[in-house]
């Protein structure tokens, strides 16, 4: 058989391993150089999952990302989505 590329299990593993990090790197105030520090601060604030970050109060986000970035993150996460705009 020829090279069939990655199988579905490998794709799922890559998604689960890399996507949370890629999501974090797109938040205001986060880049590759700050990721380790932010991860440490998040754990100290009890933020263990992406859901924890999404549900966190602005004060907790501020302790991790800084106050200005926390406001921007919270504003983005609280934005209502108009699913009718997403229809093709």
PDB file of N, CA and C in Angstrom:
ATOM      1  N   UNK A   1       0.839  -1.191   0.000  1.00  0.00           N
ATOM      2  CA  UNK A   1       0.000   0.000   0.000  1.00  0.00           C
ATOM      3  C   UNK A   1       0.876   1.243   0.000  1.00  0.00           C
ATOM      4  N   UNK A   2       0.342   2.323  -0.539  1.00  0.00           N
ATOM      5  CA  UNK A   2       1.075   3.577  -0.618  1.00  0.00           C
ATOM      6  C   UNK A   2       0.910   4.401   0.640  1.00  0.00           C
ATOM      7  N   UNK A   3       1.517   5.558   0.626  1.00  0.00           N
ATOM      8  CA  UNK A   3       1.407   6.483   1.753  1.00  0.00           C
ATOM      9  C   UNK A   3       0.018   7.114   1.739  1.00  0.00           C
ATOM     10  N   UNK A   4      -0.773   6.779   2.730  1.00  0.00           N
ATOM     11  CA  UNK A   4      -2.153   7.254   2.776  1.00  0.00           C
ATOM     12  C   UNK A   4      -2.315   8.478   3.670  1.00  0.00           C
ATOM     13  N   UNK A   5      -1.235   8.983   4.214  1.00  0.00           N
ATOM     14  CA  UNK A   5      -1.321  10.152   5.075  1.00  0.00           C
ATOM     15  C   UNK A   5      -1.765   9.765   6.474  1.00  0.00           C
ATOM     16  N   UNK A   6      -1.955  10.755   7.337  1.00  0.00           N
ATOM     17  CA  UNK A   6      -2.322  10.476   8.722  1.00  0.00           C
ATOM     18  C   UNK A   6      -3.720   9.885   8.816  1.00  0.00           C
ATOM     19  N   UNK A   7      -3.889   8.957   9.757  1.00  0.00           N
ATOM     20  CA  UNK A   7      -5.229   8.403   9.947  1.00  0.00           C
ATOM     21  C   UNK A   7      -6.020   9.297  10.898  1.00  0.00           C
ATOM     22  N   UNK A   8      -7.284   8.973  11.077  1.00  0.00           N
ATOM     23  CA  UNK A   8      -8.177   9.817  11.872  1.00  0.00           C
ATOM     24  C   UNK A   8      -7.722   9.927  13.329  1.00  0.00           C
ATOM     25  N   UNK A   9      -7.199   8.830  13.894  1.00  0.00           N
ATOM     26  CA  UNK A   9      -6.722   8.863  15.279  1.00  0.00           C
ATOM     27  C   UNK A   9      -5.556   9.825  15.436  1.00  0.00           C
ATOM     28  N   UNK A  10      -4.645   9.830  14.462  1.00  0.00           N
ATOM     29  CA  UNK A  10      -3.512  10.755  14.515  1.00  0.00           C
ATOM     30  C   UNK A  10      -3.974  12.201  14.393  1.00  0.00           C
ATOM     31  N   UNK A  11      -4.961  12.451  13.546  1.00  0.00           N
ATOM     32  CA  UNK A  11      -5.501  13.803  13.390  1.00  0.00           C
ATOM     33  C   UNK A  11      -6.175  14.267  14.676  1.00  0.00           C
ATOM     34  N   UNK A  12      -6.930  13.387  15.326  1.00  0.00           N
ATOM     35  CA  UNK A  12      -7.570  13.726  16.599  1.00  0.00           C
ATOM     36  C   UNK A  12      -6.530  14.029  17.661  1.00  0.00           C
ATOM     37  N   UNK A  13      -5.466  13.229  17.700  1.00  0.00           N
ATOM     38  CA  UNK A  13      -4.394  13.440  18.674  1.00  0.00           C
ATOM     39  C   UNK A  13      -3.723  14.788  18.446  1.00  0.00           C
ATOM     40  N   UNK A  14      -3.435  15.120  17.186  1.00  0.00           N
ATOM     41  CA  UNK A  14      -2.827  16.413  16.869  1.00  0.00           C
ATOM     42  C   UNK A  14      -3.745  17.556  17.273  1.00  0.00           C
ATOM     43  N   UNK A  15      -5.040  17.421  16.980  1.00  0.00           N
ATOM     44  CA  UNK A  15      -6.008  18.460  17.334  1.00  0.00           C
ATOM     45  C   UNK A  15      -6.009  18.672  18.846  1.00  0.00           C
ATOM     46  N   UNK A  16      -6.109  17.612  19.604  1.00  0.00           N
ATOM     47  CA  UNK A  16      -6.175  17.713  21.060  1.00  0.00           C
ATOM     48  C   UNK A  16      -4.882  18.226  21.670  1.00  0.00           C
ATOM     49  N   UNK A  17      -3.762  17.942  21.037  1.00  0.00           N
ATOM     50  CA  UNK A  17      -2.479  18.370  21.577  1.00  0.00           C
ATOM     51  C   UNK A  17      -2.161  19.815  21.228  1.00  0.00           C
ATOM     52  N   UNK A  18      -2.456  20.237  19.998  1.00  0.00           N
ATOM     53  CA  UNK A  18      -2.007  21.541  19.532  1.00  0.00           C
ATOM     54  C   UNK A  18      -3.060  22.646  19.564  1.00  0.00           C
ATOM     55  N   UNK A  19      -4.304  22.327  19.386  1.00  0.00           N
ATOM     56  CA  UNK A  19      -5.323  23.367  19.260  1.00  0.00           C
ATOM     57  C   UNK A  19      -5.484  24.231  20.507  1.00  0.00           C
ATOM     58  N   UNK A  20      -5.488  23.676  21.728  1.00  0.00           N
ATOM     59  CA  UNK A  20      -5.593  24.584  22.885  1.00  0.00           C
ATOM     60  C   UNK A  20      -4.459  25.601  22.917  1.00  0.00           C
ATOM     61  N   UNK A  21      -3.256  25.181  22.592  1.00  0.00           N
ATOM     62  CA  UNK A  21      -2.112  26.096  22.568  1.00  0.00           C
ATOM     63  C   UNK A  21      -2.285  27.143  21.479  1.00  0.00           C
ATOM     64  N   UNK A  22      -2.740  26.730  20.315  1.00  0.00           N
ATOM     65  CA  UNK A  22      -2.953  27.678  19.219  1.00  0.00           C
ATOM     66  C   UNK A  22      -4.051  28.680  19.572  1.00  0.00           C
ATOM     67  N   UNK A  23      -5.098  28.220  20.249  1.00  0.00           N
ATOM     68  CA  UNK A  23      -6.161  29.114  20.695  1.00  0.00           C
ATOM     69  C   UNK A  23      -5.598  30.136  21.677  1.00  0.00           C
ATOM     70  N   UNK A  24      -4.840  29.674  22.652  1.00  0.00           N
ATOM     71  CA  UNK A  24      -4.249  30.587  23.641  1.00  0.00           C
ATOM     72  C   UNK A  24      -3.362  31.626  22.976  1.00  0.00           C
ATOM     73  N   UNK A  25      -2.564  31.224  21.993  1.00  0.00           N
ATOM     74  CA  UNK A  25      -1.639  32.151  21.349  1.00  0.00           C
ATOM     75  C   UNK A  25      -2.357  33.235  20.557  1.00  0.00           C
ATOM     76  N   UNK A  26      -3.641  33.075  20.329  1.00  0.00           N
ATOM     77  CA  UNK A  26      -4.401  34.089  19.602  1.00  0.00           C
ATOM     78  C   UNK A  26      -5.134  35.059  20.531  1.00  0.00           C
ATOM     79  N   UNK A  27      -5.069  34.808  21.828  1.00  0.00           N
ATOM     80  CA  UNK A  27      -5.687  35.724  22.789  1.00  0.00           C
ATOM     81  C   UNK A  27      -4.802  36.955  22.950  1.00  0.00           C
ATOM     82  N   UNK A  28      -5.414  38.103  23.224  1.00  0.00           N
ATOM     83  CA  UNK A  28      -4.612  39.317  23.447  1.00  0.00           C
ATOM     84  C   UNK A  28      -3.606  39.121  24.582  1.00  0.00           C
ATOM     85  N   UNK A  29      -2.384  39.547  24.341  1.00  0.00           N
ATOM     86  CA  UNK A  29      -1.347  39.482  25.359  1.00  0.00           C
ATOM     87  C   UNK A  29      -0.603  38.163  25.418  1.00  0.00           C
ATOM     88  N   UNK A  30      -0.921  37.241  24.522  1.00  0.00           N
ATOM     89  CA  UNK A  30      -0.283  35.928  24.539  1.00  0.00           C
ATOM     90  C   UNK A  30       0.526  35.751  23.256  1.00  0.00           C
ATOM     91  N   UNK A  31       1.750  35.296  23.426  1.00  0.00           N
ATOM     92  CA  UNK A  31       2.560  34.880  22.290  1.00  0.00           C
ATOM     93  C   UNK A  31       3.432  33.718  22.749  1.00  0.00           C
ATOM     94  N   UNK A  32       4.192  33.172  21.856  1.00  0.00           N
ATOM     95  CA  UNK A  32       5.002  31.991  22.169  1.00  0.00           C
ATOM     96  C   UNK A  32       5.961  32.232  23.324  1.00  0.00           C
ATOM     97  N   UNK A  33       6.497  33.441  23.415  1.00  0.00           N
ATOM     98  CA  UNK A  33       7.471  33.717  24.469  1.00  0.00           C
ATOM     99  C   UNK A  33       6.823  33.820  25.847  1.00  0.00           C
ATOM    100  N   UNK A  34       5.548  34.164  25.910  1.00  0.00           N
ATOM    101  CA  UNK A  34       4.856  34.333  27.186  1.00  0.00           C
ATOM    102  C   UNK A  34       4.022  33.111  27.586  1.00  0.00           C
ATOM    103  N   UNK A  35       3.943  32.125  26.712  1.00  0.00           N
ATOM    104  CA  UNK A  35       3.031  31.002  26.928  1.00  0.00           C
ATOM    105  C   UNK A  35       3.320  30.235  28.216  1.00  0.00           C
ATOM    106  N   UNK A  36       4.578  29.969  28.521  1.00  0.00           N
ATOM    107  CA  UNK A  36       4.927  29.231  29.732  1.00  0.00           C
ATOM    108  C   UNK A  36       4.516  30.012  30.981  1.00  0.00           C
ATOM    109  N   UNK A  37       4.794  31.310  30.997  1.00  0.00           N
ATOM    110  CA  UNK A  37       4.429  32.153  32.137  1.00  0.00           C
ATOM    111  C   UNK A  37       2.908  32.219  32.302  1.00  0.00           C
ATOM    112  N   UNK A  38       2.201  32.376  31.207  1.00  0.00           N
ATOM    113  CA  UNK A  38       0.741  32.457  31.260  1.00  0.00           C
ATOM    114  C   UNK A  38       0.148  31.132  31.732  1.00  0.00           C
ATOM    115  N   UNK A  39       0.696  30.027  31.259  1.00  0.00           N
ATOM    116  CA  UNK A  39       0.229  28.713  31.693  1.00  0.00           C
ATOM    117  C   UNK A  39       0.419  28.549  33.196  1.00  0.00           C
ATOM    118  N   UNK A  40       1.566  28.982  33.706  1.00  0.00           N
ATOM    119  CA  UNK A  40       1.838  28.895  35.148  1.00  0.00           C
ATOM    120  C   UNK A  40       0.851  29.760  35.930  1.00  0.00           C
ATOM    121  N   UNK A  41       0.640  30.988  35.481  1.00  0.00           N
ATOM    122  CA  UNK A  41      -0.303  31.884  36.165  1.00  0.00           C
ATOM    123  C   UNK A  41      -1.728  31.341  36.113  1.00  0.00           C
ATOM    124  N   UNK A  42      -2.109  30.761  34.984  1.00  0.00           N
ATOM    125  CA  UNK A  42      -3.459  30.201  34.844  1.00  0.00           C
ATOM    126  C   UNK A  42      -3.676  29.081  35.848  1.00  0.00           C
ATOM    127  N   UNK A  43      -2.701  28.207  35.991  1.00  0.00           N
ATOM    128  CA  UNK A  43      -2.816  27.101  36.950  1.00  0.00           C
ATOM    129  C   UNK A  43      -2.924  27.629  38.372  1.00  0.00           C
ATOM    130  N   UNK A  44      -2.178  28.677  38.696  1.00  0.00           N
ATOM    131  CA  UNK A  44      -2.262  29.278  40.033  1.00  0.00           C
ATOM    132  C   UNK A  44      -3.648  29.861  40.301  1.00  0.00           C
ATOM    133  N   UNK A  45      -4.341  30.290  39.262  1.00  0.00           N
ATOM    134  CA  UNK A  45      -5.687  30.853  39.389  1.00  0.00           C
ATOM    135  C   UNK A  45      -6.768  29.775  39.277  1.00  0.00           C
ATOM    136  N   UNK A  46      -6.363  28.509  39.144  1.00  0.00           N
ATOM    137  CA  UNK A  46      -7.327  27.421  39.052  1.00  0.00           C
ATOM    138  C   UNK A  46      -7.890  27.199  37.658  1.00  0.00           C
ATOM    139  N   UNK A  47      -7.258  27.786  36.655  1.00  0.00           N
ATOM    140  CA  UNK A  47      -7.709  27.614  35.278  1.00  0.00           C
ATOM    141  C   UNK A  47      -6.960  26.438  34.672  1.00  0.00           C
ATOM    142  N   UNK A  48      -7.639  25.313  34.564  1.00  0.00           N
ATOM    143  CA  UNK A  48      -6.999  24.095  34.077  1.00  0.00           C
ATOM    144  C   UNK A  48      -7.413  23.740  32.654  1.00  0.00           C
ATOM    145  N   UNK A  49      -8.556  24.262  32.202  1.00  0.00           N
ATOM    146  CA  UNK A  49      -9.059  23.906  30.878  1.00  0.00           C
ATOM    147  C   UNK A  49      -9.454  25.171  30.117  1.00  0.00           C
ATOM    148  N   UNK A  50      -9.705  24.999  28.836  1.00  0.00           N
ATOM    149  CA  UNK A  50     -10.170  26.121  28.017  1.00  0.00           C
ATOM    150  C   UNK A  50     -11.538  26.593  28.517  1.00  0.00           C
ATOM    151  N   UNK A  51     -12.360  25.673  28.979  1.00  0.00           N
ATOM    152  CA  UNK A  51     -13.677  26.036  29.516  1.00  0.00           C
ATOM    153  C   UNK A  51     -13.499  26.913  30.754  1.00  0.00           C
ATOM    154  N   UNK A  52     -12.518  26.585  31.597  1.00  0.00           N
ATOM    155  CA  UNK A  52     -12.243  27.413  32.780  1.00  0.00           C
ATOM    156  C   UNK A  52     -11.914  28.842  32.369  1.00  0.00           C
ATOM    157  N   UNK A  53     -11.108  29.000  31.339  1.00  0.00           N
ATOM    158  CA  UNK A  53     -10.750  30.333  30.861  1.00  0.00           C
ATOM    159  C   UNK A  53     -11.990  31.060  30.357  1.00  0.00           C
ATOM    160  N   UNK A  54     -12.807  30.364  29.612  1.00  0.00           N
ATOM    161  CA  UNK A  54     -14.015  30.985  29.060  1.00  0.00           C
ATOM    162  C   UNK A  54     -14.999  31.410  30.137  1.00  0.00           C
ATOM    163  N   UNK A  55     -15.045  30.694  31.246  1.00  0.00           N
ATOM    164  CA  UNK A  55     -15.990  30.992  32.324  1.00  0.00           C
ATOM    165  C   UNK A  55     -15.421  31.915  33.397  1.00  0.00           C
ATOM    166  N   UNK A  56     -14.134  32.206  33.321  1.00  0.00           N
ATOM    167  CA  UNK A  56     -13.467  32.977  34.367  1.00  0.00           C
ATOM    168  C   UNK A  56     -13.977  34.408  34.437  1.00  0.00           C
ATOM    169  N   UNK A  57     -13.978  34.946  35.647  1.00  0.00           N
ATOM    170  CA  UNK A  57     -14.308  36.346  35.870  1.00  0.00           C
ATOM    171  C   UNK A  57     -13.149  37.207  35.380  1.00  0.00           C
ATOM    172  N   UNK A  58     -13.453  38.440  35.090  1.00  0.00           N
ATOM    173  CA  UNK A  58     -12.445  39.350  34.539  1.00  0.00           C
ATOM    174  C   UNK A  58     -11.266  39.543  35.499  1.00  0.00           C
ATOM    175  N   UNK A  59     -11.507  39.505  36.798  1.00  0.00           N
ATOM    176  CA  UNK A  59     -10.423  39.662  37.770  1.00  0.00           C
ATOM    177  C   UNK A  59      -9.427  38.511  37.661  1.00  0.00           C
ATOM    178  N   UNK A  60      -9.942  37.294  37.487  1.00  0.00           N
ATOM    179  CA  UNK A  60      -9.083  36.122  37.335  1.00  0.00           C
ATOM    180  C   UNK A  60      -8.306  36.204  36.024  1.00  0.00           C
ATOM    181  N   UNK A  61      -8.991  36.577  34.960  1.00  0.00           N
ATOM    182  CA  UNK A  61      -8.303  36.734  33.676  1.00  0.00           C
ATOM    183  C   UNK A  61      -7.228  37.805  33.770  1.00  0.00           C
ATOM    184  N   UNK A  62      -7.512  38.874  34.513  1.00  0.00           N
ATOM    185  CA  UNK A  62      -6.539  39.951  34.682  1.00  0.00           C
ATOM    186  C   UNK A  62      -5.270  39.488  35.378  1.00  0.00           C
ATOM    187  N   UNK A  63      -5.418  38.584  36.349  1.00  0.00           N
ATOM    188  CA  UNK A  63      -4.253  38.060  37.062  1.00  0.00           C
ATOM    189  C   UNK A  63      -3.365  37.210  36.148  1.00  0.00           C
ATOM    190  N   UNK A  64      -3.944  36.683  35.099  1.00  0.00           N
ATOM    191  CA  UNK A  64      -3.202  35.828  34.174  1.00  0.00           C
ATOM    192  C   UNK A  64      -2.699  36.611  32.963  1.00  0.00           C
ATOM    193  N   UNK A  65      -3.582  37.381  32.358  1.00  0.00           N
ATOM    194  CA  UNK A  65      -3.275  38.019  31.077  1.00  0.00           C
ATOM    195  C   UNK A  65      -3.001  39.512  31.179  1.00  0.00           C
ATOM    196  N   UNK A  66      -3.217  40.123  32.336  1.00  0.00           N
ATOM    197  CA  UNK A  66      -3.143  41.567  32.487  1.00  0.00           C
ATOM    198  C   UNK A  66      -4.528  42.161  32.305  1.00  0.00           C
ATOM    199  N   UNK A  67      -4.793  43.308  32.948  1.00  0.00           N
ATOM    200  CA  UNK A  67      -6.146  43.875  32.965  1.00  0.00           C
ATOM    201  C   UNK A  67      -6.658  44.288  31.585  1.00  0.00           C
ATOM    202  N   UNK A  68      -5.837  44.962  30.809  1.00  0.00           N
ATOM    203  CA  UNK A  68      -6.280  45.409  29.477  1.00  0.00           C
ATOM    204  C   UNK A  68      -6.626  44.200  28.608  1.00  0.00           C
ATOM    205  N   UNK A  69      -5.741  43.226  28.594  1.00  0.00           N
ATOM    206  CA  UNK A  69      -5.984  42.023  27.795  1.00  0.00           C
ATOM    207  C   UNK A  69      -7.196  41.261  28.313  1.00  0.00           C
ATOM    208  N   UNK A  70      -7.378  41.231  29.626  1.00  0.00           N
ATOM    209  CA  UNK A  70      -8.523  40.526  30.219  1.00  0.00           C
ATOM    210  C   UNK A  70      -9.834  41.133  29.745  1.00  0.00           C
ATOM    211  N   UNK A  71      -9.892  42.448  29.684  1.00  0.00           N
ATOM    212  CA  UNK A  71     -11.117  43.108  29.199  1.00  0.00           C
ATOM    213  C   UNK A  71     -11.404  42.725  27.751  1.00  0.00           C
ATOM    214  N   UNK A  72     -10.363  42.709  26.929  1.00  0.00           N
ATOM    215  CA  UNK A  72     -10.539  42.339  25.522  1.00  0.00           C
ATOM    216  C   UNK A  72     -10.954  40.876  25.378  1.00  0.00           C
ATOM    217  N   UNK A  73     -10.343  40.007  26.154  1.00  0.00           N
ATOM    218  CA  UNK A  73     -10.678  38.581  26.106  1.00  0.00           C
ATOM    219  C   UNK A  73     -12.118  38.368  26.547  1.00  0.00           C
ATOM    220  N   UNK A  74     -12.497  38.991  27.661  1.00  0.00           N
ATOM    221  CA  UNK A  74     -13.860  38.818  28.183  1.00  0.00           C
ATOM    222  C   UNK A  74     -14.879  39.366  27.186  1.00  0.00           C
ATOM    223  N   UNK A  75     -14.597  40.499  26.591  1.00  0.00           N
ATOM    224  CA  UNK A  75     -15.498  41.083  25.594  1.00  0.00           C
ATOM    225  C   UNK A  75     -15.680  40.124  24.420  1.00  0.00           C
ATOM    226  N   UNK A  76     -14.593  39.530  23.958  1.00  0.00           N
ATOM    227  CA  UNK A  76     -14.667  38.578  22.861  1.00  0.00           C
ATOM    228  C   UNK A  76     -15.457  37.336  23.266  1.00  0.00           C
ATOM    229  N   UNK A  77     -15.159  36.775  24.430  1.00  0.00           N
ATOM    230  CA  UNK A  77     -15.819  35.539  24.862  1.00  0.00           C
ATOM    231  C   UNK A  77     -17.300  35.744  25.168  1.00  0.00           C
ATOM    232  N   UNK A  78     -17.680  36.944  25.573  1.00  0.00           N
ATOM    233  CA  UNK A  78     -19.079  37.225  25.905  1.00  0.00           C
ATOM    234  C   UNK A  78     -19.897  37.678  24.698  1.00  0.00           C
ATOM    235  N   UNK A  79     -19.241  37.860  23.561  1.00  0.00           N
ATOM    236  CA  UNK A  79     -19.943  38.338  22.362  1.00  0.00           C
ATOM    237  C   UNK A  79     -20.967  37.306  21.911  1.00  0.00           C
ATOM    238  N   UNK A  80     -22.156  37.771  21.662  1.00  0.00           N
ATOM    239  CA  UNK A  80     -23.224  36.908  21.168  1.00  0.00           C
ATOM    240  C   UNK A  80     -22.957  36.563  19.707  1.00  0.00           C
ATOM    241  N   UNK A  81     -23.258  35.350  19.341  1.00  0.00           N
ATOM    242  CA  UNK A  81     -23.076  34.888  17.970  1.00  0.00           C
ATOM    243  C   UNK A  81     -24.438  34.794  17.312  1.00  0.00           C
ATOM    244  N   UNK A  82     -24.567  35.435  16.165  1.00  0.00           N
ATOM    245  CA  UNK A  82     -25.807  35.347  15.390  1.00  0.00           C
ATOM    246  C   UNK A  82     -25.625  34.194  14.405  1.00  0.00           C
ATOM    247  N   UNK A  83     -26.155  33.027  14.794  1.00  0.00           N
ATOM    248  CA  UNK A  83     -25.957  31.846  13.977  1.00  0.00           C
ATOM    249  C   UNK A  83     -26.641  31.952  12.624  1.00  0.00           C
ATOM    250  N   UNK A  84     -27.631  32.819  12.498  1.00  0.00           N
ATOM    251  CA  UNK A  84     -28.272  32.984  11.192  1.00  0.00           C
ATOM    252  C   UNK A  84     -27.285  33.562  10.176  1.00  0.00           C
ATOM    253  N   UNK A  85     -26.290  34.316  10.649  1.00  0.00           N
ATOM    254  CA  UNK A  85     -25.268  34.857   9.749  1.00  0.00           C
ATOM    255  C   UNK A  85     -24.320  33.776   9.240  1.00  0.00           C
ATOM    256  N   UNK A  86     -24.294  32.632   9.908  1.00  0.00           N
ATOM    257  CA  UNK A  86     -23.360  31.573   9.544  1.00  0.00           C
ATOM    258  C   UNK A  86     -23.919  30.610   8.505  1.00  0.00           C
ATOM    259  N   UNK A  87     -25.169  30.739   8.201  1.00  0.00           N
ATOM    260  CA  UNK A  87     -25.783  29.835   7.220  1.00  0.00           C
ATOM    261  C   UNK A  87     -25.271  30.159   5.817  1.00  0.00           C
ATOM    262  N   UNK A  88     -25.113  29.115   5.050  1.00  0.00           N
ATOM    263  CA  UNK A  88     -24.629  29.286   3.660  1.00  0.00           C
ATOM    264  C   UNK A  88     -25.748  29.634   2.729  1.00  0.00           C
TER     265      UNK A  88
END
